[in-house]
PDB file of N, CA and C in Angstrom:
ATOM      1  N   MET A   1       0.834  -1.164   0.000  1.00  0.00           N
ATOM      2  CA  MET A   1       0.000   0.000   0.000  1.00  0.00           C
ATOM      3  C   MET A   1       0.894   1.247   0.000  1.00  0.00           C
ATOM      4  N   ALA A   2       0.564   2.268  -0.807  1.00  0.00           N
ATOM      5  CA  ALA A   2       1.359   3.491  -0.921  1.00  0.00           C
ATOM      6  C   ALA A   2       1.118   4.397   0.281  1.00  0.00           C
ATOM      7  N   ARG A   3       2.183   5.066   0.678  1.00  0.00           N
ATOM      8  CA  ARG A   3       2.073   6.000   1.805  1.00  0.00           C
ATOM      9  C   ARG A   3       1.671   7.381   1.301  1.00  0.00           C
ATOM     10  N   ASP A   4       0.935   8.125   2.113  1.00  0.00           N
ATOM     11  CA  ASP A   4       0.579   9.505   1.782  1.00  0.00           C
ATOM     12  C   ASP A   4       1.816  10.397   1.880  1.00  0.00           C
ATOM     13  N   GLN A   5       1.771  11.547   1.206  1.00  0.00           N
ATOM     14  CA  GLN A   5       2.855  12.523   1.276  1.00  0.00           C
ATOM     15  C   GLN A   5       3.043  13.027   2.705  1.00  0.00           C
ATOM     16  N   THR A   6       1.959  13.164   3.447  1.00  0.00           N
ATOM     17  CA  THR A   6       2.051  13.695   4.805  1.00  0.00           C
ATOM     18  C   THR A   6       2.803  12.758   5.727  1.00  0.00           C
ATOM     19  N   ASP A   7       2.780  11.439   5.442  1.00  0.00           N
ATOM     20  CA  ASP A   7       3.503  10.477   6.274  1.00  0.00           C
ATOM     21  C   ASP A   7       5.014  10.602   6.107  1.00  0.00           C
ATOM     22  N   GLN A   8       5.471  11.159   4.992  1.00  0.00           N
ATOM     23  CA  GLN A   8       6.894  11.215   4.705  1.00  0.00           C
ATOM     24  C   GLN A   8       7.554  12.504   5.182  1.00  0.00           C
ATOM     25  N   GLN A   9       6.789  13.509   5.615  1.00  0.00           N
ATOM     26  CA  GLN A   9       7.366  14.771   6.067  1.00  0.00           C
ATOM     27  C   GLN A   9       7.832  14.657   7.508  1.00  0.00           C
ATOM     28  N   PRO A  10       8.941  15.326   7.837  1.00  0.00           N
ATOM     29  CA  PRO A  10       9.410  15.303   9.225  1.00  0.00           C
ATOM     30  C   PRO A  10       8.452  16.091  10.123  1.00  0.00           C
ATOM     31  N   PRO A  11       8.497  15.858  11.423  1.00  0.00           N
ATOM     32  CA  PRO A  11       7.650  16.618  12.338  1.00  0.00           C
ATOM     33  C   PRO A  11       7.967  18.114  12.268  1.00  0.00           C
ATOM     34  N   PRO A  12       7.040  18.992  12.669  1.00  0.00           N
ATOM     35  CA  PRO A  12       7.249  20.436  12.561  1.00  0.00           C
ATOM     36  C   PRO A  12       8.538  20.927  13.196  1.00  0.00           C
ATOM     37  N   ALA A  13       8.970  20.374  14.293  1.00  0.00           N
ATOM     38  CA  ALA A  13      10.191  20.826  14.964  1.00  0.00           C
ATOM     39  C   ALA A  13      11.435  20.579  14.121  1.00  0.00           C
ATOM     40  N   GLN A  14      11.390  19.626  13.194  1.00  0.00           N
ATOM     41  CA  GLN A  14      12.557  19.285  12.394  1.00  0.00           C
ATOM     42  C   GLN A  14      12.540  19.933  11.014  1.00  0.00           C
ATOM     43  N   ARG A  15      11.448  20.569  10.629  1.00  0.00           N
ATOM     44  CA  ARG A  15      11.375  21.210   9.318  1.00  0.00           C
ATOM     45  C   ARG A  15      12.200  22.484   9.315  1.00  0.00           C
ATOM     46  N   SER A  16      12.806  22.795   8.184  1.00  0.00           N
ATOM     47  CA  SER A  16      13.548  24.045   8.058  1.00  0.00           C
ATOM     48  C   SER A  16      12.555  25.189   7.846  1.00  0.00           C
ATOM     49  N   PRO A  17      12.911  26.420   8.277  1.00  0.00           N
ATOM     50  CA  PRO A  17      11.987  27.537   8.105  1.00  0.00           C
ATOM     51  C   PRO A  17      11.747  27.842   6.623  1.00  0.00           C
ATOM     52  N   VAL A  18      10.590  28.382   6.316  1.00  0.00           N
ATOM     53  CA  VAL A  18      10.248  28.753   4.950  1.00  0.00           C
ATOM     54  C   VAL A  18      11.136  29.918   4.527  1.00  0.00           C
ATOM     55  N   ARG A  19      11.681  29.851   3.364  1.00  0.00           N
ATOM     56  CA  ARG A  19      12.572  30.906   2.881  1.00  0.00           C
ATOM     57  C   ARG A  19      11.956  31.588   1.662  1.00  0.00           C
ATOM     58  N   GLY A  20      12.418  32.780   1.381  1.00  0.00           N
ATOM     59  CA  GLY A  20      11.975  33.492   0.194  1.00  0.00           C
ATOM     60  C   GLY A  20      11.198  34.751   0.517  1.00  0.00           C
ATOM     61  N   GLU A  21      10.075  34.652   1.168  1.00  0.00           N
ATOM     62  CA  GLU A  21       9.239  35.802   1.494  1.00  0.00           C
ATOM     63  C   GLU A  21       9.573  36.322   2.888  1.00  0.00           C
ATOM     64  N   PRO A  22       9.841  37.631   3.023  1.00  0.00           N
ATOM     65  CA  PRO A  22      10.053  38.180   4.371  1.00  0.00           C
ATOM     66  C   PRO A  22       8.722  38.288   5.117  1.00  0.00           C
ATOM     67  N   ALA A  23       8.798  38.518   6.398  1.00  0.00           N
ATOM     68  CA  ALA A  23       7.585  38.702   7.195  1.00  0.00           C
ATOM     69  C   ALA A  23       6.824  39.913   6.664  1.00  0.00           C
ATOM     70  N   ARG A  24       5.504  39.831   6.667  1.00  0.00           N
ATOM     71  CA  ARG A  24       4.665  40.927   6.182  1.00  0.00           C
ATOM     72  C   ARG A  24       3.678  41.315   7.253  1.00  0.00           C
ATOM     73  N   VAL A  25       3.311  42.588   7.222  1.00  0.00           N
ATOM     74  CA  VAL A  25       2.306  43.093   8.148  1.00  0.00           C
ATOM     75  C   VAL A  25       1.592  44.247   7.439  1.00  0.00           C
ATOM     76  N   PRO A  26       0.269  44.376   7.607  1.00  0.00           N
ATOM     77  CA  PRO A  26      -0.412  45.521   7.005  1.00  0.00           C
ATOM     78  C   PRO A  26      -0.017  46.796   7.739  1.00  0.00           C
ATOM     79  N   LEU A  27       0.472  47.792   7.005  1.00  0.00           N
ATOM     80  CA  LEU A  27       0.900  49.046   7.613  1.00  0.00           C
ATOM     81  C   LEU A  27      -0.295  49.979   7.809  1.00  0.00           C
ATOM     82  N   ALA A  28      -0.175  50.883   8.767  1.00  0.00           N
ATOM     83  CA  ALA A  28      -1.261  51.816   9.086  1.00  0.00           C
ATOM     84  C   ALA A  28      -1.493  52.780   7.922  1.00  0.00           C
ATOM     85  N   MET A  29      -2.719  52.892   7.484  1.00  0.00           N
ATOM     86  CA  MET A  29      -3.077  53.778   6.373  1.00  0.00           C
ATOM     87  C   MET A  29      -3.700  55.086   6.868  1.00  0.00           C
ATOM     88  N   ARG A  30      -4.106  55.119   8.129  1.00  0.00           N
ATOM     89  CA  ARG A  30      -4.735  56.324   8.699  1.00  0.00           C
ATOM     90  C   ARG A  30      -4.403  56.378  10.181  1.00  0.00           C
ATOM     91  N   PRO A  31      -4.515  57.566  10.792  1.00  0.00           N
ATOM     92  CA  PRO A  31      -4.270  57.658  12.235  1.00  0.00           C
ATOM     93  C   PRO A  31      -5.246  56.767  13.006  1.00  0.00           C
ATOM     94  N   LEU A  32      -4.748  56.095  14.027  1.00  0.00           N
ATOM     95  CA  LEU A  32      -5.559  55.136  14.770  1.00  0.00           C
ATOM     96  C   LEU A  32      -6.148  55.713  16.053  1.00  0.00           C
ATOM     97  N   GLY A  33      -5.621  56.821  16.524  1.00  0.00           N
ATOM     98  CA  GLY A  33      -6.071  57.372  17.795  1.00  0.00           C
ATOM     99  C   GLY A  33      -5.454  56.601  18.947  1.00  0.00           C
ATOM    100  N   LEU A  34      -5.666  57.096  20.154  1.00  0.00           N
ATOM    101  CA  LEU A  34      -5.041  56.495  21.328  1.00  0.00           C
ATOM    102  C   LEU A  34      -5.530  55.068  21.578  1.00  0.00           C
ATOM    103  N   TRP A  35      -6.845  54.851  21.547  1.00  0.00           N
ATOM    104  CA  TRP A  35      -7.405  53.518  21.796  1.00  0.00           C
ATOM    105  C   TRP A  35      -7.020  52.532  20.682  1.00  0.00           C
ATOM    106  N   GLY A  36      -7.132  52.973  19.432  1.00  0.00           N
ATOM    107  CA  GLY A  36      -6.769  52.115  18.301  1.00  0.00           C
ATOM    108  C   GLY A  36      -5.297  51.734  18.324  1.00  0.00           C
ATOM    109  N   THR A  37      -4.441  52.679  18.727  1.00  0.00           N
ATOM    110  CA  THR A  37      -3.015  52.401  18.834  1.00  0.00           C
ATOM    111  C   THR A  37      -2.753  51.350  19.908  1.00  0.00           C
ATOM    112  N   ALA A  38      -3.425  51.493  21.052  1.00  0.00           N
ATOM    113  CA  ALA A  38      -3.233  50.532  22.138  1.00  0.00           C
ATOM    114  C   ALA A  38      -3.686  49.133  21.723  1.00  0.00           C
ATOM    115  N   MET A  39      -4.821  49.040  21.072  1.00  0.00           N
ATOM    116  CA  MET A  39      -5.334  47.727  20.655  1.00  0.00           C
ATOM    117  C   MET A  39      -4.457  47.107  19.564  1.00  0.00           C
ATOM    118  N   THR A  40      -3.993  47.922  18.637  1.00  0.00           N
ATOM    119  CA  THR A  40      -3.118  47.423  17.571  1.00  0.00           C
ATOM    120  C   THR A  40      -1.784  46.966  18.149  1.00  0.00           C
ATOM    121  N   ALA A  41      -1.243  47.712  19.107  1.00  0.00           N
ATOM    122  CA  ALA A  41       0.028  47.344  19.729  1.00  0.00           C
ATOM    123  C   ALA A  41      -0.084  46.016  20.476  1.00  0.00           C
ATOM    124  N   ARG A  42      -1.232  45.735  21.058  1.00  0.00           N
ATOM    125  CA  ARG A  42      -1.427  44.448  21.735  1.00  0.00           C
ATOM    126  C   ARG A  42      -1.396  43.290  20.740  1.00  0.00           C
ATOM    127  N   ARG A  43      -1.945  43.544  19.533  1.00  0.00           N
ATOM    128  CA  ARG A  43      -2.012  42.501  18.512  1.00  0.00           C
ATOM    129  C   ARG A  43      -0.661  42.317  17.821  1.00  0.00           C
ATOM    130  N   ASN A  44      -0.092  43.424  17.286  1.00  0.00           N
ATOM    131  CA  ASN A  44       1.180  43.355  16.569  1.00  0.00           C
ATOM    132  C   ASN A  44       1.730  44.774  16.445  1.00  0.00           C
ATOM    133  N   VAL A  45       2.776  45.080  17.181  1.00  0.00           N
ATOM    134  CA  VAL A  45       3.318  46.429  17.235  1.00  0.00           C
ATOM    135  C   VAL A  45       3.817  46.912  15.862  1.00  0.00           C
ATOM    136  N   LEU A  46       4.194  46.010  14.976  1.00  0.00           N
ATOM    137  CA  LEU A  46       4.662  46.414  13.644  1.00  0.00           C
ATOM    138  C   LEU A  46       3.557  47.042  12.804  1.00  0.00           C
ATOM    139  N   GLU A  47       2.299  46.750  13.121  1.00  0.00           N
ATOM    140  CA  GLU A  47       1.182  47.349  12.389  1.00  0.00           C
ATOM    141  C   GLU A  47       1.045  48.837  12.676  1.00  0.00           C
ATOM    142  N   LEU A  48       1.758  49.356  13.661  1.00  0.00           N
ATOM    143  CA  LEU A  48       1.709  50.777  13.983  1.00  0.00           C
ATOM    144  C   LEU A  48       2.547  51.617  13.023  1.00  0.00           C
ATOM    145  N   ILE A  49       3.425  50.988  12.273  1.00  0.00           N
ATOM    146  CA  ILE A  49       4.268  51.733  11.328  1.00  0.00           C
ATOM    147  C   ILE A  49       3.381  52.298  10.220  1.00  0.00           C
ATOM    148  N   PRO A  50       3.414  53.625  10.024  1.00  0.00           N
ATOM    149  CA  PRO A  50       2.591  54.207   8.961  1.00  0.00           C
ATOM    150  C   PRO A  50       3.116  53.826   7.574  1.00  0.00           C
ATOM    151  N   ALA A  51       2.217  53.567   6.654  1.00  0.00           N
ATOM    152  CA  ALA A  51       2.603  53.175   5.294  1.00  0.00           C
ATOM    153  C   ALA A  51       3.452  54.247   4.618  1.00  0.00           C
ATOM    154  N   ILE A  52       3.207  55.503   4.933  1.00  0.00           N
ATOM    155  CA  ILE A  52       3.973  56.595   4.324  1.00  0.00           C
ATOM    156  C   ILE A  52       5.448  56.543   4.728  1.00  0.00           C
ATOM    157  N   ALA A  53       5.770  55.847   5.815  1.00  0.00           N
ATOM    158  CA  ALA A  53       7.160  55.731   6.259  1.00  0.00           C
ATOM    159  C   ALA A  53       8.015  54.953   5.258  1.00  0.00           C
ATOM    160  N   THR A  54       7.397  54.213   4.357  1.00  0.00           N
ATOM    161  CA  THR A  54       8.159  53.503   3.328  1.00  0.00           C
ATOM    162  C   THR A  54       8.545  54.420   2.178  1.00  0.00           C
ATOM    163  N   ARG A  55       7.969  55.646   2.151  1.00  0.00           N
ATOM    164  CA  ARG A  55       8.248  56.594   1.077  1.00  0.00           C
ATOM    165  C   ARG A  55       8.888  57.891   1.555  1.00  0.00           C
ATOM    166  N   GLN A  56       8.723  58.257   2.829  1.00  0.00           N
ATOM    167  CA  GLN A  56       9.274  59.491   3.365  1.00  0.00           C
ATOM    168  C   GLN A  56      10.392  59.181   4.351  1.00  0.00           C
ATOM    169  N   PRO A  57      11.458  60.003   4.367  1.00  0.00           N
ATOM    170  CA  PRO A  57      12.564  59.727   5.283  1.00  0.00           C
ATOM    171  C   PRO A  57      12.227  59.978   6.753  1.00  0.00           C
ATOM    172  N   ILE A  58      11.363  60.958   7.037  1.00  0.00           N
ATOM    173  CA  ILE A  58      10.978  61.282   8.412  1.00  0.00           C
ATOM    174  C   ILE A  58       9.469  61.491   8.457  1.00  0.00           C
ATOM    175  N   VAL A  59       8.807  60.834   9.405  1.00  0.00           N
ATOM    176  CA  VAL A  59       7.365  60.953   9.598  1.00  0.00           C
ATOM    177  C   VAL A  59       7.136  61.407  11.033  1.00  0.00           C
ATOM    178  N   SER A  60       6.252  62.386  11.220  1.00  0.00           N
ATOM    179  CA  SER A  60       5.924  62.874  12.559  1.00  0.00           C
ATOM    180  C   SER A  60       4.429  62.748  12.778  1.00  0.00           C
ATOM    181  N   GLY A  61       4.037  62.640  14.021  1.00  0.00           N
ATOM    182  CA  GLY A  61       2.622  62.543  14.343  1.00  0.00           C
ATOM    183  C   GLY A  61       2.384  62.773  15.821  1.00  0.00           C
ATOM    184  N   THR A  62       1.128  62.622  16.219  1.00  0.00           N
ATOM    185  CA  THR A  62       0.743  62.786  17.609  1.00  0.00           C
ATOM    186  C   THR A  62      -0.226  61.678  17.986  1.00  0.00           C
ATOM    187  N   THR A  63       0.106  60.938  19.005  1.00  0.00           N
ATOM    188  CA  THR A  63      -0.797  59.953  19.594  1.00  0.00           C
ATOM    189  C   THR A  63      -0.593  60.085  21.101  1.00  0.00           C
ATOM    190  N   GLY A  64      -1.274  61.042  21.697  1.00  0.00           N
ATOM    191  CA  GLY A  64      -1.022  61.362  23.089  1.00  0.00           C
ATOM    192  C   GLY A  64       0.150  62.320  23.196  1.00  0.00           C
ATOM    193  N   LEU A  65       1.304  61.936  22.704  1.00  0.00           N
ATOM    194  CA  LEU A  65       2.507  62.770  22.668  1.00  0.00           C
ATOM    195  C   LEU A  65       3.007  62.889  21.229  1.00  0.00           C
ATOM    196  N   ARG A  66       3.799  63.911  20.977  1.00  0.00           N
ATOM    197  CA  ARG A  66       4.400  64.091  19.656  1.00  0.00           C
ATOM    198  C   ARG A  66       5.480  63.030  19.466  1.00  0.00           C
ATOM    199  N   TRP A  67       5.543  62.433  18.267  1.00  0.00           N
ATOM    200  CA  TRP A  67       6.541  61.416  17.965  1.00  0.00           C
ATOM    201  C   TRP A  67       7.099  61.641  16.568  1.00  0.00           C
ATOM    202  N   HIS A  68       8.281  61.096  16.328  1.00  0.00           N
ATOM    203  CA  HIS A  68       8.948  61.185  15.028  1.00  0.00           C
ATOM    204  C   HIS A  68       9.492  59.793  14.692  1.00  0.00           C
ATOM    205  N   LEU A  69       9.300  59.374  13.475  1.00  0.00           N
ATOM    206  CA  LEU A  69       9.813  58.097  12.987  1.00  0.00           C
ATOM    207  C   LEU A  69      10.827  58.414  11.892  1.00  0.00           C
ATOM    208  N   VAL A  70      12.081  58.073  12.135  1.00  0.00           N
ATOM    209  CA  VAL A  70      13.162  58.379  11.197  1.00  0.00           C
ATOM    210  C   VAL A  70      13.545  57.096  10.471  1.00  0.00           C
ATOM    211  N   MET A  71      13.441  57.121   9.137  1.00  0.00           N
ATOM    212  CA  MET A  71      13.740  55.944   8.328  1.00  0.00           C
ATOM    213  C   MET A  71      14.982  56.130   7.446  1.00  0.00           C
ATOM    214  N   ASP A  72      15.454  57.366   7.306  1.00  0.00           N
ATOM    215  CA  ASP A  72      16.579  57.686   6.431  1.00  0.00           C
ATOM    216  C   ASP A  72      17.902  57.324   7.112  1.00  0.00           C
ATOM    217  N   PRO A  73      18.735  56.471   6.501  1.00  0.00           N
ATOM    218  CA  PRO A  73      19.996  56.065   7.125  1.00  0.00           C
ATOM    219  C   PRO A  73      20.913  57.230   7.485  1.00  0.00           C
ATOM    220  N   ALA A  74      21.024  58.230   6.620  1.00  0.00           N
ATOM    221  CA  ALA A  74      21.893  59.380   6.918  1.00  0.00           C
ATOM    222  C   ALA A  74      21.360  60.168   8.115  1.00  0.00           C
ATOM    223  N   SER A  75      20.061  60.336   8.194  1.00  0.00           N
ATOM    224  CA  SER A  75      19.459  61.053   9.324  1.00  0.00           C
ATOM    225  C   SER A  75      19.635  60.257  10.615  1.00  0.00           C
ATOM    226  N   LEU A  76      19.447  58.955  10.546  1.00  0.00           N
ATOM    227  CA  LEU A  76      19.654  58.109  11.729  1.00  0.00           C
ATOM    228  C   LEU A  76      21.092  58.211  12.232  1.00  0.00           C
ATOM    229  N   ARG A  77      22.044  58.197  11.326  1.00  0.00           N
ATOM    230  CA  ARG A  77      23.451  58.308  11.699  1.00  0.00           C
ATOM    231  C   ARG A  77      23.703  59.635  12.405  1.00  0.00           C
ATOM    232  N   ARG A  78      23.140  60.701  11.854  1.00  0.00           N
ATOM    233  CA  ARG A  78      23.321  62.028  12.453  1.00  0.00           C
ATOM    234  C   ARG A  78      22.718  62.079  13.852  1.00  0.00           C
ATOM    235  N   ILE A  79      21.522  61.542  14.013  1.00  0.00           N
ATOM    236  CA  ILE A  79      20.844  61.565  15.312  1.00  0.00           C
ATOM    237  C   ILE A  79      21.566  60.699  16.332  1.00  0.00           C
ATOM    238  N   LEU A  80      21.917  59.485  15.952  1.00  0.00           N
ATOM    239  CA  LEU A  80      22.451  58.523  16.908  1.00  0.00           C
ATOM    240  C   LEU A  80      23.947  58.650  17.173  1.00  0.00           C
ATOM    241  N   LYS A  81      24.693  59.223  16.235  1.00  0.00           N
ATOM    242  CA  LYS A  81      26.144  59.307  16.415  1.00  0.00           C
ATOM    243  C   LYS A  81      26.642  60.740  16.523  1.00  0.00           C
ATOM    244  N   VAL A  82      26.397  61.536  15.501  1.00  0.00           N
ATOM    245  CA  VAL A  82      26.994  62.862  15.422  1.00  0.00           C
ATOM    246  C   VAL A  82      26.404  63.819  16.460  1.00  0.00           C
ATOM    247  N   ASN A  83      25.099  63.928  16.534  1.00  0.00           N
ATOM    248  CA  ASN A  83      24.442  64.912  17.395  1.00  0.00           C
ATOM    249  C   ASN A  83      23.719  64.232  18.554  1.00  0.00           C
ATOM    250  N   ARG A  84      24.291  63.213  19.105  1.00  0.00           N
ATOM    251  CA  ARG A  84      23.654  62.390  20.129  1.00  0.00           C
ATOM    252  C   ARG A  84      23.247  63.187  21.356  1.00  0.00           C
ATOM    253  N   ALA A  85      24.065  64.109  21.799  1.00  0.00           N
ATOM    254  CA  ALA A  85      23.774  64.869  23.022  1.00  0.00           C
ATOM    255  C   ALA A  85      22.592  65.821  22.844  1.00  0.00           C
ATOM    256  N   GLY A  86      22.253  66.158  21.617  1.00  0.00           N
ATOM    257  CA  GLY A  86      21.157  67.092  21.370  1.00  0.00           C
ATOM    258  C   GLY A  86      19.781  66.462  21.419  1.00  0.00           C
ATOM    259  N   PHE A  87      19.686  65.158  21.639  1.00  0.00           N
ATOM    260  CA  PHE A  87      18.402  64.473  21.649  1.00  0.00           C
ATOM    261  C   PHE A  87      18.146  63.852  23.020  1.00  0.00           C
ATOM    262  N   ALA A  88      16.884  63.668  23.337  1.00  0.00           N
ATOM    263  CA  ALA A  88      16.484  63.199  24.678  1.00  0.00           C
ATOM    264  C   ALA A  88      17.122  61.858  25.025  1.00  0.00           C
ATOM    265  N   GLY A  89      17.298  60.977  24.048  1.00  0.00           N
ATOM    266  CA  GLY A  89      17.850  59.654  24.337  1.00  0.00           C
ATOM    267  C   GLY A  89      19.355  59.658  24.527  1.00  0.00           C
ATOM    268  N   GLY A  90      20.049  60.768  24.248  1.00  0.00           N
ATOM    269  CA  GLY A  90      21.501  60.826  24.308  1.00  0.00           C
ATOM    270  C   GLY A  90      21.994  61.067  25.652  1.00  0.00           C
TER     271      GLY A  90
END
C-alpha cells in the first residue's frame, strides 16, 4: 500500500523555516487614535508603522505625545552618532 505525502514529512520541529518571502504586516493607512493604537500594539506592534514611512525619510505625528519616525539612514546616523547629546535619548 502506498504511503501519503504527509507520512513522509518530518515533524514540525525538524522542518527548516520557509525561505523566500520576508515577514509581512499591514501598515497603518490612517491615524488610529489612542485607543486604536493601544489595541493594535497588543495585537502586533509592527502594524503601527505608517505606510507613508516607506516613502518618506521622516514621519511625525501625535498619539497622546508628539513622535517622530526616522527611516533615512543618513538622518539616523546624524541623530544617533553625530548629534547624540542634542536628543532626549543621548
